[in-house]
N, C-alpha and C. Protein backbone atom coordinates (compact mmCIF):
# COMPACT_ATOMS: atom_id res chain seq x y z
N MET A 1 103.23 93.76 122.74
CA MET A 1 102.35 94.68 123.42
C MET A 1 103.14 95.90 123.85
N HIS A 2 102.54 97.06 123.71
CA HIS A 2 103.20 98.30 124.09
C HIS A 2 103.02 98.56 125.57
N GLN A 3 104.03 99.14 126.17
CA GLN A 3 103.95 99.52 127.57
C GLN A 3 103.21 100.85 127.66
N PRO A 4 102.43 101.08 128.70
CA PRO A 4 101.77 102.37 128.84
C PRO A 4 102.79 103.49 128.97
N ALA A 5 102.43 104.63 128.45
CA ALA A 5 103.33 105.78 128.51
C ALA A 5 103.49 106.22 129.97
N THR A 6 104.68 106.67 130.29
CA THR A 6 104.94 107.26 131.59
C THR A 6 105.09 108.75 131.38
N PRO A 7 104.03 109.50 131.63
CA PRO A 7 104.07 110.92 131.29
C PRO A 7 105.08 111.71 132.12
N LEU A 8 105.86 112.51 131.41
CA LEU A 8 106.76 113.44 132.08
C LEU A 8 105.99 114.69 132.48
N ASP A 9 105.07 115.07 131.65
CA ASP A 9 104.11 116.12 131.96
C ASP A 9 102.85 115.79 131.17
N THR A 10 101.80 116.55 131.35
CA THR A 10 100.52 116.23 130.70
C THR A 10 100.63 116.21 129.19
N SER A 11 101.28 117.19 128.61
CA SER A 11 101.42 117.26 127.16
C SER A 11 102.22 116.10 126.60
N THR A 12 103.36 115.83 127.19
CA THR A 12 104.21 114.73 126.74
C THR A 12 103.49 113.40 126.93
N GLY A 13 102.82 113.23 128.05
CA GLY A 13 102.08 112.00 128.31
C GLY A 13 100.99 111.77 127.30
N SER A 14 100.24 112.80 126.96
CA SER A 14 99.17 112.67 125.97
C SER A 14 99.73 112.30 124.61
N THR A 15 100.82 112.92 124.25
CA THR A 15 101.45 112.61 122.97
C THR A 15 101.92 111.17 122.93
N GLN A 16 102.56 110.73 124.00
CA GLN A 16 103.04 109.35 124.07
C GLN A 16 101.88 108.36 124.01
N GLU A 17 100.80 108.68 124.69
CA GLU A 17 99.62 107.80 124.68
C GLU A 17 99.01 107.72 123.29
N ALA A 18 98.90 108.86 122.62
CA ALA A 18 98.32 108.88 121.27
C ALA A 18 99.19 108.09 120.30
N LEU A 19 100.50 108.28 120.38
CA LEU A 19 101.41 107.53 119.50
C LEU A 19 101.36 106.03 119.81
N SER A 20 101.26 105.68 121.07
CA SER A 20 101.14 104.28 121.45
C SER A 20 99.87 103.67 120.86
N LEU A 21 98.76 104.42 120.90
CA LEU A 21 97.53 103.93 120.28
C LEU A 21 97.70 103.71 118.78
N LEU A 22 98.30 104.67 118.09
CA LEU A 22 98.51 104.54 116.65
C LEU A 22 99.36 103.31 116.33
N GLU A 23 100.44 103.13 117.07
CA GLU A 23 101.30 101.97 116.85
C GLU A 23 100.55 100.67 117.12
N THR A 24 99.75 100.66 118.14
CA THR A 24 99.00 99.46 118.50
C THR A 24 97.92 99.16 117.48
N ILE A 25 97.22 100.16 117.00
CA ILE A 25 96.23 99.95 115.94
C ILE A 25 96.91 99.34 114.72
N GLY A 26 98.11 99.81 114.43
CA GLY A 26 98.86 99.30 113.28
C GLY A 26 99.22 97.83 113.38
N THR A 27 99.19 97.27 114.57
CA THR A 27 99.50 95.85 114.73
C THR A 27 98.28 94.96 114.50
N HIS A 28 97.12 95.54 114.37
CA HIS A 28 95.87 94.80 114.16
C HIS A 28 95.45 94.97 112.70
N ALA A 29 95.60 93.93 111.91
CA ALA A 29 95.33 94.00 110.47
C ALA A 29 93.93 94.49 110.15
N TRP A 30 92.94 94.11 110.93
CA TRP A 30 91.55 94.47 110.64
C TRP A 30 91.03 95.55 111.57
N GLY A 31 91.92 96.21 112.30
CA GLY A 31 91.50 97.21 113.26
C GLY A 31 91.30 96.58 114.62
N ALA A 32 91.01 97.40 115.61
CA ALA A 32 90.84 96.90 116.98
C ALA A 32 89.78 97.74 117.67
N THR A 33 89.09 97.12 118.61
CA THR A 33 88.10 97.85 119.40
C THR A 33 88.81 98.67 120.47
N ALA A 34 88.09 99.62 121.02
CA ALA A 34 88.64 100.42 122.11
C ALA A 34 89.02 99.53 123.28
N HIS A 35 88.22 98.50 123.55
CA HIS A 35 88.54 97.58 124.64
C HIS A 35 89.87 96.86 124.38
N GLN A 36 90.06 96.39 123.14
CA GLN A 36 91.32 95.71 122.80
C GLN A 36 92.50 96.66 122.94
N LEU A 37 92.32 97.88 122.46
CA LEU A 37 93.41 98.85 122.51
C LEU A 37 93.76 99.24 123.95
N ALA A 38 92.74 99.38 124.79
CA ALA A 38 92.99 99.69 126.20
C ALA A 38 93.77 98.55 126.85
N ALA A 39 93.36 97.33 126.56
CA ALA A 39 94.06 96.17 127.14
C ALA A 39 95.49 96.09 126.63
N ASP A 40 95.68 96.32 125.33
CA ASP A 40 97.01 96.21 124.73
C ASP A 40 97.97 97.29 125.24
N THR A 41 97.45 98.49 125.47
CA THR A 41 98.32 99.61 125.86
C THR A 41 98.40 99.80 127.37
N GLY A 42 97.45 99.22 128.10
CA GLY A 42 97.42 99.42 129.54
C GLY A 42 96.77 100.73 129.95
N MET A 43 96.17 101.43 129.00
CA MET A 43 95.48 102.68 129.31
C MET A 43 94.07 102.39 129.79
N PRO A 44 93.52 103.26 130.64
CA PRO A 44 92.12 103.10 131.02
C PRO A 44 91.22 103.24 129.78
N LEU A 45 90.10 102.52 129.79
CA LEU A 45 89.19 102.52 128.64
C LEU A 45 88.70 103.93 128.31
N GLY A 46 88.33 104.70 129.31
CA GLY A 46 87.84 106.06 129.06
C GLY A 46 88.89 106.93 128.38
N ARG A 47 90.12 106.83 128.84
CA ARG A 47 91.22 107.59 128.23
C ARG A 47 91.45 107.14 126.80
N THR A 48 91.39 105.83 126.57
CA THR A 48 91.56 105.28 125.23
C THR A 48 90.49 105.84 124.31
N ARG A 49 89.25 105.83 124.75
CA ARG A 49 88.15 106.36 123.92
C ARG A 49 88.32 107.84 123.64
N ASP A 50 88.70 108.61 124.65
CA ASP A 50 88.91 110.05 124.45
C ASP A 50 89.98 110.30 123.39
N LEU A 51 91.10 109.59 123.49
CA LEU A 51 92.17 109.77 122.51
C LEU A 51 91.75 109.32 121.12
N LEU A 52 91.01 108.22 121.02
CA LEU A 52 90.54 107.75 119.71
C LEU A 52 89.65 108.79 119.05
N HIS A 53 88.78 109.40 119.82
CA HIS A 53 87.90 110.41 119.23
C HIS A 53 88.69 111.65 118.79
N THR A 54 89.67 112.05 119.56
CA THR A 54 90.52 113.17 119.15
C THR A 54 91.30 112.82 117.89
N LEU A 55 91.87 111.62 117.84
CA LEU A 55 92.61 111.19 116.65
C LEU A 55 91.70 111.08 115.45
N ALA A 56 90.45 110.70 115.65
CA ALA A 56 89.49 110.61 114.54
C ALA A 56 89.16 112.00 113.99
N LEU A 57 89.02 112.97 114.87
CA LEU A 57 88.71 114.34 114.43
C LEU A 57 89.81 114.90 113.54
N THR A 58 91.02 114.46 113.74
CA THR A 58 92.15 114.96 112.96
C THR A 58 92.54 114.03 111.81
N GLY A 59 91.81 112.93 111.64
CA GLY A 59 92.03 112.04 110.51
C GLY A 59 93.11 110.99 110.69
N TYR A 60 93.64 110.86 111.91
CA TYR A 60 94.70 109.89 112.15
C TYR A 60 94.17 108.48 112.38
N VAL A 61 92.93 108.36 112.81
CA VAL A 61 92.25 107.07 112.90
C VAL A 61 90.86 107.22 112.31
N THR A 62 90.28 106.10 111.94
CA THR A 62 88.93 106.10 111.40
C THR A 62 88.16 104.91 111.96
N PRO A 63 86.87 105.11 112.23
CA PRO A 63 86.11 103.97 112.73
C PRO A 63 85.89 102.95 111.63
N GLY A 64 85.95 101.68 111.99
CA GLY A 64 85.72 100.60 111.05
C GLY A 64 84.48 99.82 111.45
N PRO A 65 84.26 98.69 110.81
CA PRO A 65 83.10 97.87 111.14
C PRO A 65 83.23 97.24 112.54
N ALA A 66 82.11 96.89 113.11
CA ALA A 66 82.06 96.19 114.41
C ALA A 66 82.78 96.97 115.51
N ARG A 67 82.64 98.28 115.50
CA ARG A 67 83.23 99.15 116.54
C ARG A 67 84.75 99.09 116.62
N THR A 68 85.37 98.81 115.49
CA THR A 68 86.83 98.79 115.45
C THR A 68 87.35 100.16 115.04
N TRP A 69 88.61 100.36 115.27
CA TRP A 69 89.32 101.56 114.85
C TRP A 69 90.49 101.15 113.97
N ARG A 70 90.70 101.91 112.89
CA ARG A 70 91.79 101.64 111.95
C ARG A 70 92.60 102.91 111.77
N LEU A 71 93.80 102.75 111.23
CA LEU A 71 94.63 103.92 110.92
C LEU A 71 93.93 104.76 109.86
N GLY A 72 94.05 106.08 109.97
CA GLY A 72 93.34 106.98 109.08
C GLY A 72 94.17 107.47 107.91
N ASP A 73 93.49 108.17 107.02
CA ASP A 73 94.10 108.69 105.80
C ASP A 73 95.21 109.71 106.07
N ARG A 74 95.12 110.40 107.16
CA ARG A 74 96.15 111.41 107.48
C ARG A 74 97.53 110.76 107.63
N LEU A 75 97.56 109.55 108.17
CA LEU A 75 98.84 108.85 108.31
C LEU A 75 99.40 108.45 106.96
N GLU A 76 98.54 108.07 106.04
CA GLU A 76 99.00 107.73 104.69
C GLU A 76 99.61 108.97 104.02
N PHE A 77 98.96 110.10 104.19
CA PHE A 77 99.48 111.36 103.64
C PHE A 77 100.87 111.65 104.22
N LEU A 78 101.02 111.51 105.52
CA LEU A 78 102.32 111.77 106.14
C LEU A 78 103.38 110.78 105.66
N ALA A 79 103.00 109.54 105.47
CA ALA A 79 103.96 108.54 104.98
C ALA A 79 104.43 108.90 103.57
N ARG A 80 103.52 109.37 102.73
CA ARG A 80 103.92 109.80 101.37
C ARG A 80 104.86 110.99 101.43
N ARG A 81 104.58 111.94 102.32
CA ARG A 81 105.43 113.13 102.46
C ARG A 81 106.82 112.72 102.96
N GLN A 82 106.87 111.78 103.91
CA GLN A 82 108.14 111.32 104.44
C GLN A 82 108.95 110.64 103.34
N ALA A 83 108.31 109.82 102.52
CA ALA A 83 109.01 109.14 101.42
C ALA A 83 109.56 110.17 100.43
N HIS A 84 108.77 111.20 100.17
CA HIS A 84 109.21 112.25 99.25
C HIS A 84 110.43 112.99 99.82
N GLN A 85 110.38 113.32 101.10
CA GLN A 85 111.51 114.01 101.73
C GLN A 85 112.75 113.14 101.72
N THR A 86 112.57 111.84 101.93
CA THR A 86 113.70 110.92 101.92
C THR A 86 114.33 110.87 100.54
N ARG A 87 113.49 110.82 99.49
CA ARG A 87 114.02 110.83 98.12
C ARG A 87 114.78 112.12 97.83
N LEU A 88 114.24 113.24 98.27
CA LEU A 88 114.92 114.52 98.04
C LEU A 88 116.26 114.58 98.79
N ALA A 89 116.29 114.08 99.99
CA ALA A 89 117.53 114.11 100.78
C ALA A 89 118.61 113.21 100.14
N GLY A 90 118.20 112.17 99.46
CA GLY A 90 119.16 111.27 98.82
C GLY A 90 119.61 111.73 97.45
N ALA A 91 118.94 112.76 96.92
CA ALA A 91 119.28 113.22 95.56
C ALA A 91 120.52 114.07 95.53
């Protein structure tokens, strides 16, 4: 289970919270509900929902069946870019 972010300032705290949500969603093979994610991260449910909707607008998460949330296509794109950069750096 991830520990809740301890914000140094509002911007850093929001970033830490969003990354914590992404990491936590990644631990649930079939996705997770907002309630599960709030419990796992220690974030308030309202904050969890707000961040999920923001992440969905940018493609980092996507809604799944039964009110679950899953990792989005944007993360797959970034993973491919990272792998490409790693190959180039090793060449």
